[in-house]
Protein backbone atom coordinates (compact mmCIF):
# COMPACT_ATOMS: atom_id res chain seq x y z
CA MET A 1 92.67 32.63 5.49
CA SER A 2 91.55 33.21 1.95
CA ASP A 3 93.62 35.08 -0.64
CA ASN A 4 92.09 38.54 -1.19
CA SER A 5 94.43 39.52 -4.01
CA ALA A 6 91.72 39.61 -6.67
CA PRO A 7 92.05 42.64 -8.96
CA SER A 8 89.97 45.62 -8.00
CA THR A 9 87.17 46.53 -10.40
CA SER A 10 87.27 50.21 -9.43
CA LYS A 11 90.38 50.72 -11.54
CA LYS A 12 88.55 49.40 -14.60
CA LEU A 13 85.93 52.14 -14.31
CA LYS A 14 88.41 54.99 -14.65
CA SER A 15 89.34 56.34 -18.04
CA THR A 16 92.87 56.40 -19.37
CA ASN A 17 93.50 59.89 -17.99
CA SER A 18 96.23 60.08 -15.37
CA GLY A 19 94.38 60.46 -12.11
CA GLY A 20 91.53 62.79 -11.40
CA ARG A 21 87.92 62.29 -12.35
CA THR A 22 86.54 59.94 -14.94
CA LYS A 23 85.46 61.45 -18.23
CA LYS A 24 81.84 62.44 -18.63
CA PRO A 25 79.77 60.69 -21.33
CA ILE A 26 79.77 63.82 -23.52
CA TRP A 27 83.38 63.00 -24.43
CA ARG A 28 82.03 60.17 -26.66
CA PHE A 29 81.16 62.88 -29.20
CA PHE A 30 84.45 64.77 -28.96
CA GLU A 31 88.10 64.04 -29.64
CA GLN A 32 90.47 64.87 -26.83
CA GLY A 33 93.18 67.26 -27.95
CA ASP A 34 96.28 68.73 -26.38
CA GLU A 35 96.49 69.37 -22.67
CA VAL A 36 95.66 73.05 -22.09
CA ASP A 37 96.29 73.00 -18.35
CA LYS A 38 96.99 70.22 -15.88
CA GLY A 39 94.14 67.75 -16.39
CA HIS A 40 92.25 70.02 -18.83
CA TYR A 41 92.21 69.23 -22.53
CA ALA A 42 91.05 70.80 -25.75
CA ALA A 43 87.98 69.15 -27.26
CA THR A 44 87.10 68.85 -30.95
CA CYS A 45 83.57 67.99 -32.06
CA SER A 46 83.65 64.73 -34.01
CA ALA A 47 80.85 65.94 -36.30
CA CYS A 48 81.79 69.49 -37.28
CA VAL A 49 85.42 69.71 -36.08
CA GLN A 50 84.84 72.84 -33.96
CA THR A 51 87.45 73.11 -31.20
CA PHE A 52 86.90 74.14 -27.59
CA ARG A 53 89.90 75.13 -25.45
CA PRO A 54 89.54 73.88 -22.77
CA GLY A 55 86.71 71.45 -23.30
CA LYS A 56 84.14 72.40 -20.68
CA THR A 57 81.36 69.84 -20.49
CA ALA A 58 78.47 72.33 -20.17
CA ILE A 59 79.55 74.13 -23.33
CA MET A 60 80.21 70.84 -25.12
CA GLU A 61 76.71 69.57 -24.22
CA LYS A 62 75.04 72.72 -25.56
CA HIS A 63 77.11 72.50 -28.73
CA ILE A 64 76.34 68.86 -29.50
CA ILE A 65 72.59 69.44 -29.05
CA ASN A 66 72.64 72.30 -31.57
CA CYS A 67 75.32 70.97 -33.94
CA SER A 68 73.73 70.60 -37.37
CA LYS A 69 76.27 67.96 -38.43
CA ALA A 70 75.90 65.77 -35.33
CA ASP A 71 74.09 62.46 -35.45
CA HIS A 72 70.68 62.65 -33.80
CA SER A 73 71.67 60.14 -31.08
CA PRO A 74 73.30 62.71 -28.74
CA LYS A 75 70.15 64.82 -28.81
CA LYS A 76 68.14 62.14 -26.98
């Protein structure tokens, strides 16, 4: 029999958060802050430093599109 002990690539796809879902791409434009609730974190816009508690992705996406200090790359 062959040795099937090769490392799984699925673990490499997860973010550094402890369990749960992987982070959405919007988090590239925000800094993760303190944990507000189990698995939910505050988010601070990297461009204008506005804080969202907790960081909800729909609100973060709307913010980054309209943020006057954000680079134009997230608007694409």
